[in-house]
Amino acid sequence: VQLQAFGGGLVQAGGSLRLSCAASGIILSPHKMGWYRQAPEKQRESVASIHSGGSANYADDVKGRFTISRDNAKNTVYLQMNGLKPEDTGVYYCHVEWTDYWGKGTLVTVSS
């Protein structure tokens, strides 16, 4: 099983990025998927999750700015991030919930 997260980069505050998590070796559609963030010197934290049926949950600090979605035909999960803030900086990982499968992460840096 491989999960590859990509789409990170350097963006100014207020900007947008779209992260993608593509999977091989596993069909994502039956699984709850999550995006996590690890800021420098901080613990990894949940940012958003999406159930197999499409219902989503968000951390309080990203509600209204981030949107998680999934495309089962492409076996891919997305995280649309708008209104980015410097505190959103970190390495973002995708995760197949309730498994040990994690993507390698993609770095998001938001400059003020």
PDB file of N, CA and C in Angstrom:
ATOM      1  N   VAL A   1       0.851  -1.185   0.000  1.00  0.00           N
ATOM      2  CA  VAL A   1       0.000   0.000   0.000  1.00  0.00           C
ATOM      3  C   VAL A   1       0.887   1.235   0.000  1.00  0.00           C
ATOM      4  N   GLN A   2       0.559   2.162  -0.888  1.00  0.00           N
ATOM      5  CA  GLN A   2       1.283   3.436  -0.924  1.00  0.00           C
ATOM      6  C   GLN A   2       0.293   4.579  -1.014  1.00  0.00           C
ATOM      7  N   LEU A   3       0.528   5.578  -0.189  1.00  0.00           N
ATOM      8  CA  LEU A   3      -0.237   6.813  -0.249  1.00  0.00           C
ATOM      9  C   LEU A   3       0.742   7.935  -0.543  1.00  0.00           C
ATOM     10  N   GLN A   4       0.455   8.698  -1.551  1.00  0.00           N
ATOM     11  CA  GLN A   4       1.333   9.807  -1.909  1.00  0.00           C
ATOM     12  C   GLN A   4       0.558  11.105  -1.828  1.00  0.00           C
ATOM     13  N   ALA A   5       0.981  11.952  -0.895  1.00  0.00           N
ATOM     14  CA  ALA A   5       0.376  13.269  -0.771  1.00  0.00           C
ATOM     15  C   ALA A   5       1.216  14.266  -1.540  1.00  0.00           C
ATOM     16  N   PHE A   6       0.587  15.130  -2.290  1.00  0.00           N
ATOM     17  CA  PHE A   6       1.314  16.165  -3.022  1.00  0.00           C
ATOM     18  C   PHE A   6       0.429  17.392  -3.181  1.00  0.00           C
ATOM     19  N   GLY A   7       1.049  18.464  -3.617  1.00  0.00           N
ATOM     20  CA  GLY A   7       0.334  19.722  -3.799  1.00  0.00           C
ATOM     21  C   GLY A   7       0.753  20.812  -2.835  1.00  0.00           C
ATOM     22  N   GLY A   8       1.645  20.497  -1.906  1.00  0.00           N
ATOM     23  CA  GLY A   8       2.107  21.508  -0.984  1.00  0.00           C
ATOM     24  C   GLY A   8       3.013  22.504  -1.665  1.00  0.00           C
ATOM     25  N   GLY A   9       3.384  23.518  -0.905  1.00  0.00           N
ATOM     26  CA  GLY A   9       4.271  24.536  -1.451  1.00  0.00           C
ATOM     27  C   GLY A   9       4.298  25.755  -0.567  1.00  0.00           C
ATOM     28  N   LEU A  10       4.877  26.809  -1.098  1.00  0.00           N
ATOM     29  CA  LEU A  10       4.982  28.082  -0.390  1.00  0.00           C
ATOM     30  C   LEU A  10       3.902  29.023  -0.920  1.00  0.00           C
ATOM     31  N   VAL A  11       3.139  29.584  -0.012  1.00  0.00           N
ATOM     32  CA  VAL A  11       2.057  30.475  -0.414  1.00  0.00           C
ATOM     33  C   VAL A  11       1.965  31.614   0.591  1.00  0.00           C
ATOM     34  N   GLN A  12       1.530  32.761   0.130  1.00  0.00           N
ATOM     35  CA  GLN A  12       1.338  33.896   1.032  1.00  0.00           C
ATOM     36  C   GLN A  12       0.036  33.736   1.813  1.00  0.00           C
ATOM     37  N   ALA A  13       0.005  34.360   2.948  1.00  0.00           N
ATOM     38  CA  ALA A  13      -1.209  34.344   3.763  1.00  0.00           C
ATOM     39  C   ALA A  13      -2.392  34.834   2.927  1.00  0.00           C
ATOM     40  N   GLY A  14      -3.500  34.138   3.078  1.00  0.00           N
ATOM     41  CA  GLY A  14      -4.684  34.449   2.283  1.00  0.00           C
ATOM     42  C   GLY A  14      -4.795  33.642   1.004  1.00  0.00           C
ATOM     43  N   GLY A  15      -3.739  32.961   0.656  1.00  0.00           N
ATOM     44  CA  GLY A  15      -3.718  32.183  -0.571  1.00  0.00           C
ATOM     45  C   GLY A  15      -4.369  30.817  -0.413  1.00  0.00           C
ATOM     46  N   SER A  16      -4.302  30.047  -1.484  1.00  0.00           N
ATOM     47  CA  SER A  16      -4.944  28.730  -1.522  1.00  0.00           C
ATOM     48  C   SER A  16      -3.992  27.666  -2.042  1.00  0.00           C
ATOM     49  N   LEU A  17      -4.231  26.460  -1.590  1.00  0.00           N
ATOM     50  CA  LEU A  17      -3.542  25.284  -2.113  1.00  0.00           C
ATOM     51  C   LEU A  17      -4.536  24.133  -2.139  1.00  0.00           C
ATOM     52  N   ARG A  18      -4.290  23.203  -3.035  1.00  0.00           N
ATOM     53  CA  ARG A  18      -5.097  21.985  -3.075  1.00  0.00           C
ATOM     54  C   ARG A  18      -4.166  20.787  -2.943  1.00  0.00           C
ATOM     55  N   LEU A  19      -4.354  20.058  -1.887  1.00  0.00           N
ATOM     56  CA  LEU A  19      -3.570  18.853  -1.669  1.00  0.00           C
ATOM     57  C   LEU A  19      -4.312  17.649  -2.235  1.00  0.00           C
ATOM     58  N   SER A  20      -3.546  16.707  -2.734  1.00  0.00           N
ATOM     59  CA  SER A  20      -4.104  15.458  -3.240  1.00  0.00           C
ATOM     60  C   SER A  20      -3.417  14.298  -2.552  1.00  0.00           C
ATOM     61  N   CYS A  21      -4.152  13.231  -2.373  1.00  0.00           N
ATOM     62  CA  CYS A  21      -3.604  12.001  -1.807  1.00  0.00           C
ATOM     63  C   CYS A  21      -4.035  10.859  -2.716  1.00  0.00           C
ATOM     64  N   ALA A  22      -3.066  10.346  -3.452  1.00  0.00           N
ATOM     65  CA  ALA A  22      -3.341   9.260  -4.381  1.00  0.00           C
ATOM     66  C   ALA A  22      -2.879   7.948  -3.769  1.00  0.00           C
ATOM     67  N   ALA A  23      -3.684   6.915  -3.958  1.00  0.00           N
ATOM     68  CA  ALA A  23      -3.382   5.630  -3.336  1.00  0.00           C
ATOM     69  C   ALA A  23      -3.162   4.544  -4.367  1.00  0.00           C
ATOM     70  N   SER A  24      -2.280   3.629  -4.026  1.00  0.00           N
ATOM     71  CA  SER A  24      -2.103   2.416  -4.811  1.00  0.00           C
ATOM     72  C   SER A  24      -2.012   1.246  -3.845  1.00  0.00           C
ATOM     73  N   GLY A  25      -2.525   0.114  -4.273  1.00  0.00           N
ATOM     74  CA  GLY A  25      -2.497  -1.066  -3.406  1.00  0.00           C
ATOM     75  C   GLY A  25      -3.650  -1.147  -2.433  1.00  0.00           C
ATOM     76  N   ILE A  26      -4.529  -0.180  -2.473  1.00  0.00           N
ATOM     77  CA  ILE A  26      -5.693  -0.174  -1.600  1.00  0.00           C
ATOM     78  C   ILE A  26      -6.802   0.622  -2.280  1.00  0.00           C
ATOM     79  N   ILE A  27      -8.010   0.145  -2.129  1.00  0.00           N
ATOM     80  CA  ILE A  27      -9.172   0.888  -2.610  1.00  0.00           C
ATOM     81  C   ILE A  27      -9.660   1.766  -1.467  1.00  0.00           C
ATOM     82  N   LEU A  28      -9.670   3.074  -1.683  1.00  0.00           N
ATOM     83  CA  LEU A  28      -9.989   4.011  -0.609  1.00  0.00           C
ATOM     84  C   LEU A  28     -11.479   4.133  -0.327  1.00  0.00           C
ATOM     85  N   SER A  29     -12.312   3.820  -1.288  1.00  0.00           N
ATOM     86  CA  SER A  29     -13.732   4.152  -1.159  1.00  0.00           C
ATOM     87  C   SER A  29     -14.422   3.598   0.088  1.00  0.00           C
ATOM     88  N   PRO A  30     -14.078   2.418   0.591  1.00  0.00           N
ATOM     89  CA  PRO A  30     -14.779   1.960   1.797  1.00  0.00           C
ATOM     90  C   PRO A  30     -14.273   2.567   3.095  1.00  0.00           C
ATOM     91  N   HIS A  31     -13.179   3.314   2.993  1.00  0.00           N
ATOM     92  CA  HIS A  31     -12.489   3.773   4.185  1.00  0.00           C
ATOM     93  C   HIS A  31     -12.752   5.231   4.512  1.00  0.00           C
ATOM     94  N   LYS A  32     -12.795   5.498   5.807  1.00  0.00           N
ATOM     95  CA  LYS A  32     -12.732   6.880   6.276  1.00  0.00           C
ATOM     96  C   LYS A  32     -11.306   7.361   6.060  1.00  0.00           C
ATOM     97  N   MET A  33     -11.175   8.563   5.519  1.00  0.00           N
ATOM     98  CA  MET A  33      -9.864   9.132   5.225  1.00  0.00           C
ATOM     99  C   MET A  33      -9.654  10.402   6.024  1.00  0.00           C
ATOM    100  N   GLY A  34      -8.409  10.655   6.373  1.00  0.00           N
ATOM    101  CA  GLY A  34      -8.114  11.851   7.135  1.00  0.00           C
ATOM    102  C   GLY A  34      -6.901  12.589   6.602  1.00  0.00           C
ATOM    103  N   TRP A  35      -6.914  13.875   6.799  1.00  0.00           N
ATOM    104  CA  TRP A  35      -5.741  14.726   6.585  1.00  0.00           C
ATOM    105  C   TRP A  35      -5.263  15.191   7.955  1.00  0.00           C
ATOM    106  N   TYR A  36      -3.971  15.104   8.155  1.00  0.00           N
ATOM    107  CA  TYR A  36      -3.346  15.512   9.404  1.00  0.00           C
ATOM    108  C   TYR A  36      -2.246  16.526   9.108  1.00  0.00           C
ATOM    109  N   ARG A  37      -1.932  17.285  10.105  1.00  0.00           N
ATOM    110  CA  ARG A  37      -0.904  18.318   9.962  1.00  0.00           C
ATOM    111  C   ARG A  37       0.054  18.223  11.151  1.00  0.00           C
ATOM    112  N   GLN A  38       1.338  18.369  10.834  1.00  0.00           N
ATOM    113  CA  GLN A  38       2.341  18.440  11.900  1.00  0.00           C
ATOM    114  C   GLN A  38       3.166  19.692  11.707  1.00  0.00           C
ATOM    115  N   ALA A  39       2.944  20.634  12.597  1.00  0.00           N
ATOM    116  CA  ALA A  39       3.706  21.876  12.570  1.00  0.00           C
ATOM    117  C   ALA A  39       5.054  21.654  13.245  1.00  0.00           C
ATOM    118  N   PRO A  40       6.030  22.504  12.962  1.00  0.00           N
ATOM    119  CA  PRO A  40       7.345  22.346  13.590  1.00  0.00           C
ATOM    120  C   PRO A  40       7.247  22.283  15.106  1.00  0.00           C
ATOM    121  N   GLU A  41       7.867  21.272  15.670  1.00  0.00           N
ATOM    122  CA  GLU A  41       7.943  21.088  17.122  1.00  0.00           C
ATOM    123  C   GLU A  41       6.571  20.882  17.770  1.00  0.00           C
ATOM    124  N   LYS A  42       5.626  20.435  16.995  1.00  0.00           N
ATOM    125  CA  LYS A  42       4.302  20.146  17.549  1.00  0.00           C
ATOM    126  C   LYS A  42       3.875  18.731  17.173  1.00  0.00           C
ATOM    127  N   GLN A  43       2.898  18.244  17.875  1.00  0.00           N
ATOM    128  CA  GLN A  43       2.387  16.917  17.578  1.00  0.00           C
ATOM    129  C   GLN A  43       1.503  16.949  16.343  1.00  0.00           C
ATOM    130  N   ARG A  44       1.437  15.803  15.695  1.00  0.00           N
ATOM    131  CA  ARG A  44       0.554  15.681  14.550  1.00  0.00           C
ATOM    132  C   ARG A  44      -0.888  15.815  15.009  1.00  0.00           C
ATOM    133  N   GLU A  45      -1.688  16.553  14.239  1.00  0.00           N
ATOM    134  CA  GLU A  45      -3.073  16.777  14.627  1.00  0.00           C
ATOM    135  C   GLU A  45      -4.001  16.568  13.438  1.00  0.00           C
ATOM    136  N   SER A  46      -5.218  16.180  13.739  1.00  0.00           N
ATOM    137  CA  SER A  46      -6.204  15.978  12.688  1.00  0.00           C
ATOM    138  C   SER A  46      -6.691  17.333  12.177  1.00  0.00           C
ATOM    139  N   VAL A  47      -6.786  17.428  10.858  1.00  0.00           N
ATOM    140  CA  VAL A  47      -7.281  18.641  10.218  1.00  0.00           C
ATOM    141  C   VAL A  47      -8.695  18.420   9.684  1.00  0.00           C
ATOM    142  N   ALA A  48      -8.880  17.312   9.013  1.00  0.00           N
ATOM    143  CA  ALA A  48     -10.178  17.014   8.410  1.00  0.00           C
ATOM    144  C   ALA A  48     -10.281  15.525   8.148  1.00  0.00           C
ATOM    145  N   SER A  49     -11.505  15.042   8.109  1.00  0.00           N
ATOM    146  CA  SER A  49     -11.738  13.643   7.771  1.00  0.00           C
ATOM    147  C   SER A  49     -13.011  13.531   6.955  1.00  0.00           C
ATOM    148  N   ILE A  50     -13.078  12.446   6.199  1.00  0.00           N
ATOM    149  CA  ILE A  50     -14.259  12.229   5.366  1.00  0.00           C
ATOM    150  C   ILE A  50     -14.617  10.745   5.399  1.00  0.00           C
ATOM    151  N   HIS A  51     -15.884  10.497   5.671  1.00  0.00           N
ATOM    152  CA  HIS A  51     -16.353   9.127   5.725  1.00  0.00           C
ATOM    153  C   HIS A  51     -16.561   8.580   4.316  1.00  0.00           C
ATOM    154  N   SER A  52     -16.764   7.290   4.245  1.00  0.00           N
ATOM    155  CA  SER A  52     -16.967   6.666   2.939  1.00  0.00           C
ATOM    156  C   SER A  52     -18.186   7.228   2.232  1.00  0.00           C
ATOM    157  N   GLY A  53     -19.170   7.637   3.010  1.00  0.00           N
ATOM    158  CA  GLY A  53     -20.378   8.196   2.414  1.00  0.00           C
ATOM    159  C   GLY A  53     -20.274   9.654   2.028  1.00  0.00           C
ATOM    160  N   GLY A  54     -19.179  10.284   2.439  1.00  0.00           N
ATOM    161  CA  GLY A  54     -18.944  11.674   2.041  1.00  0.00           C
ATOM    162  C   GLY A  54     -19.110  12.700   3.136  1.00  0.00           C
ATOM    163  N   SER A  55     -19.621  12.306   4.294  1.00  0.00           N
ATOM    164  CA  SER A  55     -19.747  13.284   5.375  1.00  0.00           C
ATOM    165  C   SER A  55     -18.363  13.624   5.911  1.00  0.00           C
ATOM    166  N   ALA A  56     -18.200  14.888   6.276  1.00  0.00           N
ATOM    167  CA  ALA A  56     -16.871  15.378   6.642  1.00  0.00           C
ATOM    168  C   ALA A  56     -16.880  16.023   8.010  1.00  0.00           C
ATOM    169  N   ASN A  57     -15.707  16.034   8.639  1.00  0.00           N
ATOM    170  CA  ASN A  57     -15.493  16.709   9.904  1.00  0.00           C
ATOM    171  C   ASN A  57     -14.222  17.533   9.806  1.00  0.00           C
ATOM    172  N   TYR A  58     -14.190  18.634  10.536  1.00  0.00           N
ATOM    173  CA  TYR A  58     -13.058  19.550  10.465  1.00  0.00           C
ATOM    174  C   TYR A  58     -12.616  19.982  11.852  1.00  0.00           C
ATOM    175  N   ALA A  59     -11.339  20.245  11.974  1.00  0.00           N
ATOM    176  CA  ALA A  59     -10.836  20.894  13.170  1.00  0.00           C
ATOM    177  C   ALA A  59     -11.413  22.306  13.224  1.00  0.00           C
ATOM    178  N   ASP A  60     -11.618  22.797  14.431  1.00  0.00           N
ATOM    179  CA  ASP A  60     -12.267  24.104  14.584  1.00  0.00           C
ATOM    180  C   ASP A  60     -11.517  25.211  13.853  1.00  0.00           C
ATOM    181  N   ASP A  61     -10.196  25.141  13.839  1.00  0.00           N
ATOM    182  CA  ASP A  61      -9.438  26.261  13.273  1.00  0.00           C
ATOM    183  C   ASP A  61      -9.395  26.266  11.755  1.00  0.00           C
ATOM    184  N   VAL A  62      -9.934  25.232  11.113  1.00  0.00           N
ATOM    185  CA  VAL A  62      -9.948  25.232   9.650  1.00  0.00           C
ATOM    186  C   VAL A  62     -11.361  25.252   9.081  1.00  0.00           C
ATOM    187  N   LYS A  63     -12.361  25.176   9.950  1.00  0.00           N
ATOM    188  CA  LYS A  63     -13.751  25.196   9.477  1.00  0.00           C
ATOM    189  C   LYS A  63     -14.031  26.461   8.677  1.00  0.00           C
ATOM    190  N   GLY A  64     -14.676  26.268   7.543  1.00  0.00           N
ATOM    191  CA  GLY A  64     -14.993  27.402   6.695  1.00  0.00           C
ATOM    192  C   GLY A  64     -13.878  27.788   5.749  1.00  0.00           C
ATOM    193  N   ARG A  65     -12.693  27.225   5.942  1.00  0.00           N
ATOM    194  CA  ARG A  65     -11.554  27.537   5.064  1.00  0.00           C
ATOM    195  C   ARG A  65     -11.096  26.317   4.269  1.00  0.00           C
ATOM    196  N   PHE A  66     -11.159  25.157   4.880  1.00  0.00           N
ATOM    197  CA  PHE A  66     -10.688  23.926   4.240  1.00  0.00           C
ATOM    198  C   PHE A  66     -11.881  23.055   3.857  1.00  0.00           C
ATOM    199  N   THR A  67     -11.714  22.330   2.765  1.00  0.00           N
ATOM    200  CA  THR A  67     -12.740  21.390   2.323  1.00  0.00           C
ATOM    201  C   THR A  67     -12.077  20.072   1.922  1.00  0.00           C
ATOM    202  N   ILE A  68     -12.516  19.010   2.544  1.00  0.00           N
ATOM    203  CA  ILE A  68     -12.022  17.682   2.188  1.00  0.00           C
ATOM    204  C   ILE A  68     -13.024  17.039   1.239  1.00  0.00           C
ATOM    205  N   SER A  69     -12.502  16.320   0.264  1.00  0.00           N
ATOM    206  CA  SER A  69     -13.377  15.648  -0.697  1.00  0.00           C
ATOM    207  C   SER A  69     -12.674  14.384  -1.189  1.00  0.00           C
ATOM    208  N   ARG A  70     -13.434  13.579  -1.895  1.00  0.00           N
ATOM    209  CA  ARG A  70     -12.847  12.349  -2.410  1.00  0.00           C
ATOM    210  C   ARG A  70     -13.404  12.051  -3.792  1.00  0.00           C
ATOM    211  N   ASP A  71     -12.573  11.456  -4.615  1.00  0.00           N
ATOM    212  CA  ASP A  71     -12.978  11.014  -5.939  1.00  0.00           C
ATOM    213  C   ASP A  71     -12.684   9.516  -5.995  1.00  0.00           C
ATOM    214  N   ASN A  72     -13.708   8.727  -5.792  1.00  0.00           N
ATOM    215  CA  ASN A  72     -13.492   7.281  -5.724  1.00  0.00           C
ATOM    216  C   ASN A  72     -13.034   6.706  -7.063  1.00  0.00           C
ATOM    217  N   ALA A  73     -13.458   7.309  -8.142  1.00  0.00           N
ATOM    218  CA  ALA A  73     -13.031   6.824  -9.455  1.00  0.00           C
ATOM    219  C   ALA A  73     -11.526   6.981  -9.645  1.00  0.00           C
ATOM    220  N   LYS A  74     -10.976   8.021  -9.025  1.00  0.00           N
ATOM    221  CA  LYS A  74      -9.535   8.265  -9.130  1.00  0.00           C
ATOM    222  C   LYS A  74      -8.778   7.731  -7.914  1.00  0.00           C
ATOM    223  N   ASN A  75      -9.522   7.160  -6.973  1.00  0.00           N
ATOM    224  CA  ASN A  75      -8.895   6.620  -5.751  1.00  0.00           C
ATOM    225  C   ASN A  75      -8.039   7.683  -5.068  1.00  0.00           C
ATOM    226  N   THR A  76      -8.603   8.859  -4.951  1.00  0.00           N
ATOM    227  CA  THR A  76      -7.857  10.028  -4.480  1.00  0.00           C
ATOM    228  C   THR A  76      -8.714  10.829  -3.511  1.00  0.00           C
ATOM    229  N   VAL A  77      -8.042  11.398  -2.537  1.00  0.00           N
ATOM    230  CA  VAL A  77      -8.688  12.292  -1.580  1.00  0.00           C
ATOM    231  C   VAL A  77      -8.016  13.653  -1.690  1.00  0.00           C
ATOM    232  N   TYR A  78      -8.797  14.699  -1.520  1.00  0.00           N
ATOM    233  CA  TYR A  78      -8.290  16.055  -1.687  1.00  0.00           C
ATOM    234  C   TYR A  78      -8.500  16.876  -0.418  1.00  0.00           C
ATOM    235  N   LEU A  79      -7.706  17.928  -0.303  1.00  0.00           N
ATOM    236  CA  LEU A  79      -7.915  18.935   0.728  1.00  0.00           C
ATOM    237  C   LEU A  79      -7.723  20.297   0.075  1.00  0.00           C
ATOM    238  N   GLN A  80      -8.829  20.987  -0.123  1.00  0.00           N
ATOM    239  CA  GLN A  80      -8.789  22.355  -0.650  1.00  0.00           C
ATOM    240  C   GLN A  80      -8.613  23.297   0.524  1.00  0.00           C
ATOM    241  N   MET A  81      -7.567  24.079   0.477  1.00  0.00           N
ATOM    242  CA  MET A  81      -7.250  24.988   1.577  1.00  0.00           C
ATOM    243  C   MET A  81      -7.290  26.415   1.064  1.00  0.00           C
ATOM    244  N   ASN A  82      -8.226  27.186   1.581  1.00  0.00           N
ATOM    245  CA  ASN A  82      -8.369  28.590   1.222  1.00  0.00           C
ATOM    246  C   ASN A  82      -8.109  29.460   2.442  1.00  0.00           C
ATOM    247  N   GLY A  83      -7.847  30.709   2.213  1.00  0.00           N
ATOM    248  CA  GLY A  83      -7.617  31.622   3.321  1.00  0.00           C
ATOM    249  C   GLY A  83      -6.507  31.156   4.241  1.00  0.00           C
ATOM    250  N   LEU A  84      -5.426  30.684   3.644  1.00  0.00           N
ATOM    251  CA  LEU A  84      -4.350  30.107   4.457  1.00  0.00           C
ATOM    252  C   LEU A  84      -3.718  31.140   5.381  1.00  0.00           C
ATOM    253  N   LYS A  85      -3.333  30.658   6.556  1.00  0.00           N
ATOM    254  CA  LYS A  85      -2.718  31.486   7.586  1.00  0.00           C
ATOM    255  C   LYS A  85      -1.335  30.931   7.914  1.00  0.00           C
ATOM    256  N   PRO A  86      -0.441  31.735   8.437  1.00  0.00           N
ATOM    257  CA  PRO A  86       0.887  31.230   8.807  1.00  0.00           C
ATOM    258  C   PRO A  86       0.819  30.026   9.753  1.00  0.00           C
ATOM    259  N   GLU A  87      -0.184  30.006  10.611  1.00  0.00           N
ATOM    260  CA  GLU A  87      -0.310  28.882  11.549  1.00  0.00           C
ATOM    261  C   GLU A  87      -0.757  27.589  10.880  1.00  0.00           C
ATOM    262  N   ASP A  88      -1.090  27.640   9.603  1.00  0.00           N
ATOM    263  CA  ASP A  88      -1.395  26.419   8.855  1.00  0.00           C
ATOM    264  C   ASP A  88      -0.121  25.727   8.356  1.00  0.00           C
ATOM    265  N   THR A  89       0.994  26.366   8.549  1.00  0.00           N
ATOM    266  CA  THR A  89       2.264  25.799   8.096  1.00  0.00           C
ATOM    267  C   THR A  89       2.537  24.457   8.763  1.00  0.00           C
ATOM    268  N   GLY A  90       2.993  23.511   7.972  1.00  0.00           N
ATOM    269  CA  GLY A  90       3.336  22.205   8.500  1.00  0.00           C
ATOM    270  C   GLY A  90       3.403  21.170   7.400  1.00  0.00           C
ATOM    271  N   VAL A  91       3.713  19.964   7.787  1.00  0.00           N
ATOM    272  CA  VAL A  91       3.691  18.843   6.858  1.00  0.00           C
ATOM    273  C   VAL A  91       2.313  18.191   6.961  1.00  0.00           C
ATOM    274  N   TYR A  92       1.686  18.042   5.820  1.00  0.00           N
ATOM    275  CA  TYR A  92       0.339  17.478   5.768  1.00  0.00           C
ATOM    276  C   TYR A  92       0.413  16.023   5.302  1.00  0.00           C
ATOM    277  N   TYR A  93      -0.270  15.176   6.030  1.00  0.00           N
ATOM    278  CA  TYR A  93      -0.280  13.748   5.749  1.00  0.00           C
ATOM    279  C   TYR A  93      -1.714  13.269   5.505  1.00  0.00           C
ATOM    280  N   CYS A  94      -1.850  12.345   4.602  1.00  0.00           N
ATOM    281  CA  CYS A  94      -3.136  11.667   4.476  1.00  0.00           C
ATOM    282  C   CYS A  94      -3.044  10.313   5.172  1.00  0.00           C
ATOM    283  N   HIS A  95      -4.177   9.836   5.617  1.00  0.00           N
ATOM    284  CA  HIS A  95      -4.211   8.648   6.459  1.00  0.00           C
ATOM    285  C   HIS A  95      -5.484   7.869   6.203  1.00  0.00           C
ATOM    286  N   VAL A  96      -5.320   6.577   6.077  1.00  0.00           N
ATOM    287  CA  VAL A  96      -6.487   5.707   6.021  1.00  0.00           C
ATOM    288  C   VAL A  96      -6.851   5.404   7.471  1.00  0.00           C
ATOM    289  N   GLU A  97      -7.956   5.962   7.929  1.00  0.00           N
ATOM    290  CA  GLU A  97      -8.309   5.889   9.342  1.00  0.00           C
ATOM    291  C   GLU A  97      -8.448   4.442   9.807  1.00  0.00           C
ATOM    292  N   TRP A  98      -8.026   4.214  11.044  1.00  0.00           N
ATOM    293  CA  TRP A  98      -8.106   2.897  11.688  1.00  0.00           C
ATOM    294  C   TRP A  98      -7.202   1.870  11.025  1.00  0.00           C
ATOM    295  N   THR A  99      -6.179   2.377  10.317  1.00  0.00           N
ATOM    296  CA  THR A  99      -5.133   1.502   9.764  1.00  0.00           C
ATOM    297  C   THR A  99      -3.780   2.144  10.061  1.00  0.00           C
ATOM    298  N   ASP A 100      -2.742   1.461   9.651  1.00  0.00           N
ATOM    299  CA  ASP A 100      -1.387   2.000   9.804  1.00  0.00           C
ATOM    300  C   ASP A 100      -0.896   2.678   8.538  1.00  0.00           C
ATOM    301  N   TYR A 101      -1.782   2.939   7.601  1.00  0.00           N
ATOM    302  CA  TYR A 101      -1.383   3.494   6.313  1.00  0.00           C
ATOM    303  C   TYR A 101      -1.369   5.016   6.353  1.00  0.00           C
ATOM    304  N   TRP A 102      -0.164   5.564   6.164  1.00  0.00           N
ATOM    305  CA  TRP A 102       0.039   7.008   6.130  1.00  0.00           C
ATOM    306  C   TRP A 102       0.784   7.378   4.853  1.00  0.00           C
ATOM    307  N   GLY A 103       0.445   8.523   4.299  1.00  0.00           N
ATOM    308  CA  GLY A 103       1.207   9.051   3.185  1.00  0.00           C
ATOM    309  C   GLY A 103       2.500   9.664   3.702  1.00  0.00           C
ATOM    310  N   LYS A 104       3.417   9.964   2.789  1.00  0.00           N
ATOM    311  CA  LYS A 104       4.721  10.499   3.191  1.00  0.00           C
ATOM    312  C   LYS A 104       4.668  11.959   3.563  1.00  0.00           C
ATOM    313  N   GLY A 105       3.627  12.645   3.225  1.00  0.00           N
ATOM    314  CA  GLY A 105       3.500  14.029   3.624  1.00  0.00           C
ATOM    315  C   GLY A 105       3.952  15.010   2.574  1.00  0.00           C
ATOM    316  N   THR A 106       3.338  16.171   2.627  1.00  0.00           N
ATOM    317  CA  THR A 106       3.706  17.261   1.738  1.00  0.00           C
ATOM    318  C   THR A 106       3.765  18.543   2.569  1.00  0.00           C
ATOM    319  N   LEU A 107       4.794  19.339   2.337  1.00  0.00           N
ATOM    320  CA  LEU A 107       5.043  20.521   3.157  1.00  0.00           C
ATOM    321  C   LEU A 107       4.254  21.719   2.639  1.00  0.00           C
ATOM    322  N   VAL A 108       3.553  22.343   3.560  1.00  0.00           N
ATOM    323  CA  VAL A 108       2.844  23.587   3.270  1.00  0.00           C
ATOM    324  C   VAL A 108       3.478  24.692   4.116  1.00  0.00           C
ATOM    325  N   THR A 109       3.907  25.734   3.454  1.00  0.00           N
ATOM    326  CA  THR A 109       4.494  26.872   4.151  1.00  0.00           C
ATOM    327  C   THR A 109       3.716  28.118   3.781  1.00  0.00           C
ATOM    328  N   VAL A 110       3.183  28.786   4.804  1.00  0.00           N
ATOM    329  CA  VAL A 110       2.397  29.993   4.582  1.00  0.00           C
ATOM    330  C   VAL A 110       3.167  31.167   5.160  1.00  0.00           C
ATOM    331  N   SER A 111       3.508  32.099   4.307  1.00  0.00           N
ATOM    332  CA  SER A 111       4.273  33.264   4.745  1.00  0.00           C
ATOM    333  C   SER A 111       3.324  34.403   5.092  1.00  0.00           C
ATOM    334  N   SER A 112       3.753  35.201   6.049  1.00  0.00           N
ATOM    335  CA  SER A 112       2.897  36.326   6.486  1.00  0.00           C
ATOM    336  C   SER A 112       3.167  37.569   5.670  1.00  0.00           C
TER     337      SER A 112
END
